[in-house]
Every structure is written in C-alpha cells, then in structure tokens.
C-alpha cells in the first residue's frame, strides 16, 4: 500500500509573514498608459478591499509617457486578501507587473 505524498512546501497563504494585520499596505501595478488602465487596477483592488479611500490612489507616468504606475494603499486585513489581489492583478493582461 502506498504512503500519502506530503507537499514539499506549504501554500503561500500558510507561510509566515512579518506583517501584522490589519495594516496599511501599498499595492502598485504598472502597465501601458492607455485608456482606462488606472480604472482597471482600481476596480480589481476594490473587489477585495471595497472600502478603500479613493484619496489613497496615486498615479505616476514614466518620463516618456508610455507606462503608468498605479499605487493603491489599502487597509489590508489578511495575507489571503493580499494574495487574492495580486493573483487578480497578475492575471490581467494589461498589468505588466505588480508589487
């Protein structure tokens, strides 16, 4: 009879974190400065943090105007919430990178 296989590592949400929740946490996503990129990023974040303050959004265009960095600071409630936001951001084809 075979033994159950144990995972090599724990899921990311189970890994220890240095953050103490709740906490203020900036989320930055960068993509081409076209159309409604900022609105898309804000909508993705709002799905997971519906009560974030619109005043906590900052935009920064690259020197050539080709790229736009959108930073949204939220009151993060958990590691799972942050993981879900980053998964949705990186799944969007217009987001080049998120941190």
C-alpha atoms as a PDB file:
ATOM      1  CA  UNK A   1       0.000   0.000   0.000  1.00  0.00           C
ATOM      2  CA  UNK A   2       1.374   3.431  -0.918  1.00  0.00           C
ATOM      3  CA  UNK A   3       2.025   6.177   1.578  1.00  0.00           C
ATOM      4  CA  UNK A   4       0.325   9.588   1.116  1.00  0.00           C
ATOM      5  CA  UNK A   5       2.568  12.127  -0.547  1.00  0.00           C
ATOM      6  CA  UNK A   6       3.406  15.104   1.601  1.00  0.00           C
ATOM      7  CA  UNK A   7       3.701  18.503  -0.087  1.00  0.00           C
ATOM      8  CA  UNK A   8       7.202  19.936  -0.443  1.00  0.00           C
ATOM      9  CA  UNK A   9       6.104  23.289   0.870  1.00  0.00           C
ATOM     10  CA  UNK A  10       3.131  24.959   2.476  1.00  0.00           C
ATOM     11  CA  UNK A  11       0.742  27.087   0.416  1.00  0.00           C
ATOM     12  CA  UNK A  12       1.748  30.754   0.236  1.00  0.00           C
ATOM     13  CA  UNK A  13      -1.164  31.777   2.463  1.00  0.00           C
ATOM     14  CA  UNK A  14       0.106  29.435   5.201  1.00  0.00           C
ATOM     15  CA  UNK A  15       3.677  30.750   5.094  1.00  0.00           C
ATOM     16  CA  UNK A  16       4.702  33.028   7.963  1.00  0.00           C
ATOM     17  CA  UNK A  17       4.535  36.755   7.372  1.00  0.00           C
ATOM     18  CA  UNK A  18       6.200  39.735   9.012  1.00  0.00           C
ATOM     19  CA  UNK A  19       3.075  41.830   8.542  1.00  0.00           C
ATOM     20  CA  UNK A  20       0.712  42.443  11.432  1.00  0.00           C
ATOM     21  CA  UNK A  21      -2.890  42.705  10.268  1.00  0.00           C
ATOM     22  CA  UNK A  22      -4.737  44.928   9.861  1.00  0.00           C
ATOM     23  CA  UNK A  23      -2.163  47.277   8.366  1.00  0.00           C
ATOM     24  CA  UNK A  24      -1.795  49.991   5.760  1.00  0.00           C
ATOM     25  CA  UNK A  25      -0.381  48.358   2.617  1.00  0.00           C
ATOM     26  CA  UNK A  26       0.530  49.947  -0.741  1.00  0.00           C
ATOM     27  CA  UNK A  27      -0.159  47.895  -3.872  1.00  0.00           C
ATOM     28  CA  UNK A  28       1.484  49.011  -7.114  1.00  0.00           C
ATOM     29  CA  UNK A  29       0.629  47.865 -10.621  1.00  0.00           C
ATOM     30  CA  UNK A  30       2.294  49.045 -13.816  1.00  0.00           C
ATOM     31  CA  UNK A  31       1.059  48.835 -17.380  1.00  0.00           C
ATOM     32  CA  UNK A  32       0.834  50.824 -20.592  1.00  0.00           C
ATOM     33  CA  UNK A  33      -0.537  54.331 -20.087  1.00  0.00           C
ATOM     34  CA  UNK A  34      -3.517  53.667 -22.343  1.00  0.00           C
ATOM     35  CA  UNK A  35      -7.248  54.091 -21.921  1.00  0.00           C
ATOM     36  CA  UNK A  36      -8.681  53.012 -18.615  1.00  0.00           C
ATOM     37  CA  UNK A  37      -5.642  51.237 -17.130  1.00  0.00           C
ATOM     38  CA  UNK A  38      -5.853  53.085 -13.798  1.00  0.00           C
ATOM     39  CA  UNK A  39      -9.593  52.417 -13.536  1.00  0.00           C
ATOM     40  CA  UNK A  40      -8.999  48.692 -14.172  1.00  0.00           C
ATOM     41  CA  UNK A  41      -6.397  48.460 -11.421  1.00  0.00           C
ATOM     42  CA  UNK A  42      -8.662  50.322  -9.002  1.00  0.00           C
ATOM     43  CA  UNK A  43     -11.599  48.030  -9.870  1.00  0.00           C
ATOM     44  CA  UNK A  44      -9.502  44.919  -9.212  1.00  0.00           C
ATOM     45  CA  UNK A  45      -8.353  46.220  -5.839  1.00  0.00           C
ATOM     46  CA  UNK A  46     -11.886  47.365  -4.950  1.00  0.00           C
ATOM     47  CA  UNK A  47     -13.190  43.783  -5.428  1.00  0.00           C
ATOM     48  CA  UNK A  48     -11.057  42.701  -2.490  1.00  0.00           C
ATOM     49  CA  UNK A  49     -10.989  45.931  -0.448  1.00  0.00           C
ATOM     50  CA  UNK A  50     -14.326  47.627  -1.168  1.00  0.00           C
ATOM     51  CA  UNK A  51     -13.921  50.347   1.433  1.00  0.00           C
ATOM     52  CA  UNK A  52     -10.513  51.721   0.456  1.00  0.00           C
ATOM     53  CA  UNK A  53     -10.203  55.507   0.255  1.00  0.00           C
ATOM     54  CA  UNK A  54     -10.010  56.921  -3.298  1.00  0.00           C
ATOM     55  CA  UNK A  55      -7.633  59.563  -1.913  1.00  0.00           C
ATOM     56  CA  UNK A  56      -5.157  56.708  -1.349  1.00  0.00           C
ATOM     57  CA  UNK A  57      -4.606  56.290  -5.103  1.00  0.00           C
ATOM     58  CA  UNK A  58      -1.569  57.812  -6.794  1.00  0.00           C
ATOM     59  CA  UNK A  59      -0.581  57.722 -10.448  1.00  0.00           C
ATOM     60  CA  UNK A  60       2.889  58.126 -11.893  1.00  0.00           C
ATOM     61  CA  UNK A  61       3.627  58.210 -15.598  1.00  0.00           C
ATOM     62  CA  UNK A  62       7.028  57.234 -16.971  1.00  0.00           C
ATOM     63  CA  UNK A  63       9.205  60.016 -18.357  1.00  0.00           C
ATOM     64  CA  UNK A  64       8.286  59.039 -21.915  1.00  0.00           C
ATOM     65  CA  UNK A  65       4.604  58.695 -21.085  1.00  0.00           C
ATOM     66  CA  UNK A  66       4.466  55.060 -22.235  1.00  0.00           C
ATOM     67  CA  UNK A  67       3.942  53.450 -18.809  1.00  0.00           C
ATOM     68  CA  UNK A  68       1.683  54.205 -15.874  1.00  0.00           C
ATOM     69  CA  UNK A  69       2.243  53.079 -12.285  1.00  0.00           C
ATOM     70  CA  UNK A  70      -0.886  52.978 -10.139  1.00  0.00           C
ATOM     71  CA  UNK A  71      -0.417  52.757  -6.367  1.00  0.00           C
ATOM     72  CA  UNK A  72      -3.419  51.984  -4.189  1.00  0.00           C
ATOM     73  CA  UNK A  73      -2.931  51.960  -0.419  1.00  0.00           C
ATOM     74  CA  UNK A  74      -5.448  49.797   1.409  1.00  0.00           C
ATOM     75  CA  UNK A  75      -6.094  48.724   4.962  1.00  0.00           C
ATOM     76  CA  UNK A  76      -5.077  45.088   4.499  1.00  0.00           C
ATOM     77  CA  UNK A  77      -6.982  42.622   6.658  1.00  0.00           C
ATOM     78  CA  UNK A  78      -5.093  39.390   5.896  1.00  0.00           C
ATOM     79  CA  UNK A  79      -2.406  37.692   3.852  1.00  0.00           C
ATOM     80  CA  UNK A  80      -5.151  35.863   1.945  1.00  0.00           C
ATOM     81  CA  UNK A  81      -6.671  39.205   0.920  1.00  0.00           C
ATOM     82  CA  UNK A  82      -3.311  40.455  -0.407  1.00  0.00           C
ATOM     83  CA  UNK A  83      -2.670  37.166  -2.221  1.00  0.00           C
ATOM     84  CA  UNK A  84      -6.071  37.397  -3.933  1.00  0.00           C
ATOM     85  CA  UNK A  85      -5.420  40.983  -5.058  1.00  0.00           C
ATOM     86  CA  UNK A  86      -2.022  40.079  -6.523  1.00  0.00           C
ATOM     87  CA  UNK A  87      -3.439  36.996  -8.255  1.00  0.00           C
ATOM     88  CA  UNK A  88      -6.139  39.094  -9.933  1.00  0.00           C
ATOM     89  CA  UNK A  89      -3.705  41.849 -10.897  1.00  0.00           C
ATOM     90  CA  UNK A  90      -1.174  39.482 -12.445  1.00  0.00           C
ATOM     91  CA  UNK A  91      -3.974  37.623 -14.275  1.00  0.00           C
ATOM     92  CA  UNK A  92      -4.981  40.843 -16.064  1.00  0.00           C
ATOM     93  CA  UNK A  93      -3.289  41.020 -19.464  1.00  0.00           C
ATOM     94  CA  UNK A  94      -2.734  44.784 -19.201  1.00  0.00           C
ATOM     95  CA  UNK A  95      -0.761  44.593 -15.935  1.00  0.00           C
ATOM     96  CA  UNK A  96       2.934  44.218 -16.757  1.00  0.00           C
ATOM     97  CA  UNK A  97       3.975  43.811 -13.133  1.00  0.00           C
ATOM     98  CA  UNK A  98       2.575  44.233  -9.649  1.00  0.00           C
ATOM     99  CA  UNK A  99       4.280  44.659  -6.292  1.00  0.00           C
END
